[in-house]
């Protein structure tokens, strides 16, 4: 989908400069396609990470279960806080990276900063 999203005029412009098919793909089409594809892939990666965390053995349910065991041993609610922090440490960096890439792509395509 990324390669197909690049307008045919880009290829025509590369051809008019004397670039071969391989050079056109390498220097013109792929750099633009990668810029367009990375933000949606990052969104998918964040969603996948959340989904996997829900069904994996080392997910939030298992972390909370272990936190409950630790709480019952020590009568301390700190393990619940640690479990929440672990999940946030996995999710927030991916979300921030995705937002950064989307903002960068918007600036490149529109020439303005969106707030």
C-alpha atoms as a PDB file:
ATOM      1  CA  UNK A   1       0.000   0.000   0.000  1.00  0.00           C
ATOM      2  CA  UNK A   2       2.900   2.361   0.721  1.00  0.00           C
ATOM      3  CA  UNK A   3       4.514   1.967  -2.688  1.00  0.00           C
ATOM      4  CA  UNK A   4       1.161   2.246  -4.440  1.00  0.00           C
ATOM      5  CA  UNK A   5       0.410   5.493  -2.570  1.00  0.00           C
ATOM      6  CA  UNK A   6       3.274   7.297  -4.321  1.00  0.00           C
ATOM      7  CA  UNK A   7       1.934   9.213  -7.289  1.00  0.00           C
ATOM      8  CA  UNK A   8       2.994   8.036 -10.732  1.00  0.00           C
ATOM      9  CA  UNK A   9       4.359  11.513 -11.492  1.00  0.00           C
ATOM     10  CA  UNK A  10       7.179  10.829  -9.010  1.00  0.00           C
ATOM     11  CA  UNK A  11       8.312   7.875 -11.097  1.00  0.00           C
ATOM     12  CA  UNK A  12       7.950   9.905 -14.282  1.00  0.00           C
ATOM     13  CA  UNK A  13      10.058  12.698 -12.798  1.00  0.00           C
ATOM     14  CA  UNK A  14      12.760  10.195 -11.835  1.00  0.00           C
ATOM     15  CA  UNK A  15      12.700   8.748 -15.347  1.00  0.00           C
ATOM     16  CA  UNK A  16      13.069  12.218 -16.835  1.00  0.00           C
ATOM     17  CA  UNK A  17      16.227  12.621 -14.750  1.00  0.00           C
ATOM     18  CA  UNK A  18      17.609   9.439 -16.282  1.00  0.00           C
ATOM     19  CA  UNK A  19      17.212   7.116 -13.292  1.00  0.00           C
ATOM     20  CA  UNK A  20      16.773   3.398 -13.932  1.00  0.00           C
ATOM     21  CA  UNK A  21      13.891   1.355 -12.484  1.00  0.00           C
ATOM     22  CA  UNK A  22      16.058   0.245  -9.571  1.00  0.00           C
ATOM     23  CA  UNK A  23      17.335   3.775  -8.887  1.00  0.00           C
ATOM     24  CA  UNK A  24      13.804   5.166  -9.082  1.00  0.00           C
ATOM     25  CA  UNK A  25      12.601   2.663  -6.517  1.00  0.00           C
ATOM     26  CA  UNK A  26      15.653   3.106  -4.259  1.00  0.00           C
ATOM     27  CA  UNK A  27      15.993   6.886  -4.269  1.00  0.00           C
ATOM     28  CA  UNK A  28      12.498   8.202  -5.023  1.00  0.00           C
ATOM     29  CA  UNK A  29       9.685   5.767  -4.265  1.00  0.00           C
ATOM     30  CA  UNK A  30      10.866   3.816  -1.201  1.00  0.00           C
ATOM     31  CA  UNK A  31      11.877   6.816   0.951  1.00  0.00           C
ATOM     32  CA  UNK A  32       8.448   8.387   0.458  1.00  0.00           C
ATOM     33  CA  UNK A  33       6.612   5.084   0.933  1.00  0.00           C
ATOM     34  CA  UNK A  34       8.450   4.325   4.166  1.00  0.00           C
ATOM     35  CA  UNK A  35       7.559   7.752   5.573  1.00  0.00           C
ATOM     36  CA  UNK A  36       3.890   7.096   4.825  1.00  0.00           C
ATOM     37  CA  UNK A  37       3.814   3.538   6.162  1.00  0.00           C
ATOM     38  CA  UNK A  38       5.739   3.848   9.445  1.00  0.00           C
ATOM     39  CA  UNK A  39       3.113   5.781  11.509  1.00  0.00           C
ATOM     40  CA  UNK A  40       0.257   3.334  10.765  1.00  0.00           C
ATOM     41  CA  UNK A  41       2.596   0.432  11.478  1.00  0.00           C
ATOM     42  CA  UNK A  42       3.494   1.998  14.819  1.00  0.00           C
ATOM     43  CA  UNK A  43      -0.225   2.288  15.644  1.00  0.00           C
ATOM     44  CA  UNK A  44      -0.618  -1.382  14.809  1.00  0.00           C
ATOM     45  CA  UNK A  45       2.403  -2.220  16.940  1.00  0.00           C
ATOM     46  CA  UNK A  46       0.947  -0.386  19.965  1.00  0.00           C
ATOM     47  CA  UNK A  47      -2.389  -2.173  19.509  1.00  0.00           C
ATOM     48  CA  UNK A  48      -0.654  -5.503  19.085  1.00  0.00           C
ATOM     49  CA  UNK A  49       1.436  -4.917  22.196  1.00  0.00           C
ATOM     50  CA  UNK A  50      -1.712  -4.180  24.200  1.00  0.00           C
ATOM     51  CA  UNK A  51      -3.515  -7.226  22.808  1.00  0.00           C
ATOM     52  CA  UNK A  52      -0.580  -9.525  23.427  1.00  0.00           C
ATOM     53  CA  UNK A  53      -0.275  -8.219  26.975  1.00  0.00           C
ATOM     54  CA  UNK A  54      -3.886  -9.212  27.605  1.00  0.00           C
ATOM     55  CA  UNK A  55      -3.429 -12.822  26.528  1.00  0.00           C
ATOM     56  CA  UNK A  56       0.186 -13.576  27.360  1.00  0.00           C
ATOM     57  CA  UNK A  57       1.497 -15.145  30.519  1.00  0.00           C
ATOM     58  CA  UNK A  58       3.483 -12.025  31.335  1.00  0.00           C
ATOM     59  CA  UNK A  59       0.552  -9.673  30.854  1.00  0.00           C
ATOM     60  CA  UNK A  60      -1.359  -7.372  33.166  1.00  0.00           C
ATOM     61  CA  UNK A  61      -3.451 -10.209  34.625  1.00  0.00           C
ATOM     62  CA  UNK A  62      -0.364 -12.175  35.622  1.00  0.00           C
ATOM     63  CA  UNK A  63       1.347  -9.054  36.929  1.00  0.00           C
ATOM     64  CA  UNK A  64      -1.727  -8.193  39.003  1.00  0.00           C
ATOM     65  CA  UNK A  65      -1.968 -11.768  40.296  1.00  0.00           C
ATOM     66  CA  UNK A  66       1.653 -11.622  41.402  1.00  0.00           C
ATOM     67  CA  UNK A  67       1.016  -8.203  42.945  1.00  0.00           C
ATOM     68  CA  UNK A  68      -1.893  -9.719  44.900  1.00  0.00           C
ATOM     69  CA  UNK A  69       0.343 -12.525  46.162  1.00  0.00           C
ATOM     70  CA  UNK A  70       2.981 -10.019  47.240  1.00  0.00           C
ATOM     71  CA  UNK A  71       0.339  -7.831  48.893  1.00  0.00           C
ATOM     72  CA  UNK A  72      -0.992 -10.758  50.907  1.00  0.00           C
ATOM     73  CA  UNK A  73       2.531 -11.646  52.039  1.00  0.00           C
ATOM     74  CA  UNK A  74       3.544  -8.169  53.105  1.00  0.00           C
ATOM     75  CA  UNK A  75       0.165  -6.350  53.594  1.00  0.00           C
ATOM     76  CA  UNK A  76       1.423  -3.621  51.276  1.00  0.00           C
ATOM     77  CA  UNK A  77      -0.294  -2.178  48.185  1.00  0.00           C
ATOM     78  CA  UNK A  78       2.978  -1.117  46.545  1.00  0.00           C
ATOM     79  CA  UNK A  79       3.024  -4.166  44.199  1.00  0.00           C
ATOM     80  CA  UNK A  80      -0.160  -2.886  42.534  1.00  0.00           C
ATOM     81  CA  UNK A  81       1.540   0.437  41.865  1.00  0.00           C
ATOM     82  CA  UNK A  82       4.581  -1.369  40.472  1.00  0.00           C
ATOM     83  CA  UNK A  83       2.330  -3.464  38.199  1.00  0.00           C
ATOM     84  CA  UNK A  84       0.661  -0.312  36.845  1.00  0.00           C
ATOM     85  CA  UNK A  85       4.034   1.366  36.291  1.00  0.00           C
ATOM     86  CA  UNK A  86       5.342  -1.671  34.374  1.00  0.00           C
ATOM     87  CA  UNK A  87       2.372  -1.593  32.007  1.00  0.00           C
ATOM     88  CA  UNK A  88       2.688   2.172  31.517  1.00  0.00           C
ATOM     89  CA  UNK A  89       6.422   1.830  30.859  1.00  0.00           C
ATOM     90  CA  UNK A  90       5.611  -0.584  28.029  1.00  0.00           C
ATOM     91  CA  UNK A  91       2.803   1.473  26.477  1.00  0.00           C
ATOM     92  CA  UNK A  92       3.681   5.174  26.795  1.00  0.00           C
ATOM     93  CA  UNK A  93       6.982   5.168  24.824  1.00  0.00           C
ATOM     94  CA  UNK A  94       5.332   3.428  21.868  1.00  0.00           C
ATOM     95  CA  UNK A  95       2.417   5.866  21.927  1.00  0.00           C
ATOM     96  CA  UNK A  96       4.737   8.884  22.119  1.00  0.00           C
ATOM     97  CA  UNK A  97       6.862   7.591  19.252  1.00  0.00           C
ATOM     98  CA  UNK A  98       3.752   7.086  17.142  1.00  0.00           C
ATOM     99  CA  UNK A  99       2.502  10.609  17.888  1.00  0.00           C
ATOM    100  CA  UNK A 100       5.919  12.036  16.991  1.00  0.00           C
ATOM    101  CA  UNK A 101       6.010  10.183  13.670  1.00  0.00           C
ATOM    102  CA  UNK A 102       2.466  11.260  12.793  1.00  0.00           C
ATOM    103  CA  UNK A 103       3.264  14.897  13.600  1.00  0.00           C
ATOM    104  CA  UNK A 104       6.459  14.744  11.529  1.00  0.00           C
ATOM    105  CA  UNK A 105       4.553  13.307   8.571  1.00  0.00           C
ATOM    106  CA  UNK A 106       1.872  16.020   8.864  1.00  0.00           C
ATOM    107  CA  UNK A 107       4.534  18.736   8.853  1.00  0.00           C
ATOM    108  CA  UNK A 108       6.168  17.242   5.768  1.00  0.00           C
ATOM    109  CA  UNK A 109       2.934  16.932   3.824  1.00  0.00           C
ATOM    110  CA  UNK A 110       1.208  20.164   4.869  1.00  0.00           C
ATOM    111  CA  UNK A 111       4.158  22.370   5.747  1.00  0.00           C
ATOM    112  CA  UNK A 112       2.505  23.487   9.005  1.00  0.00           C
ATOM    113  CA  UNK A 113       2.541  22.328  12.584  1.00  0.00           C
ATOM    114  CA  UNK A 114      -0.712  20.845  13.883  1.00  0.00           C
ATOM    115  CA  UNK A 115      -1.456  21.381  17.578  1.00  0.00           C
END
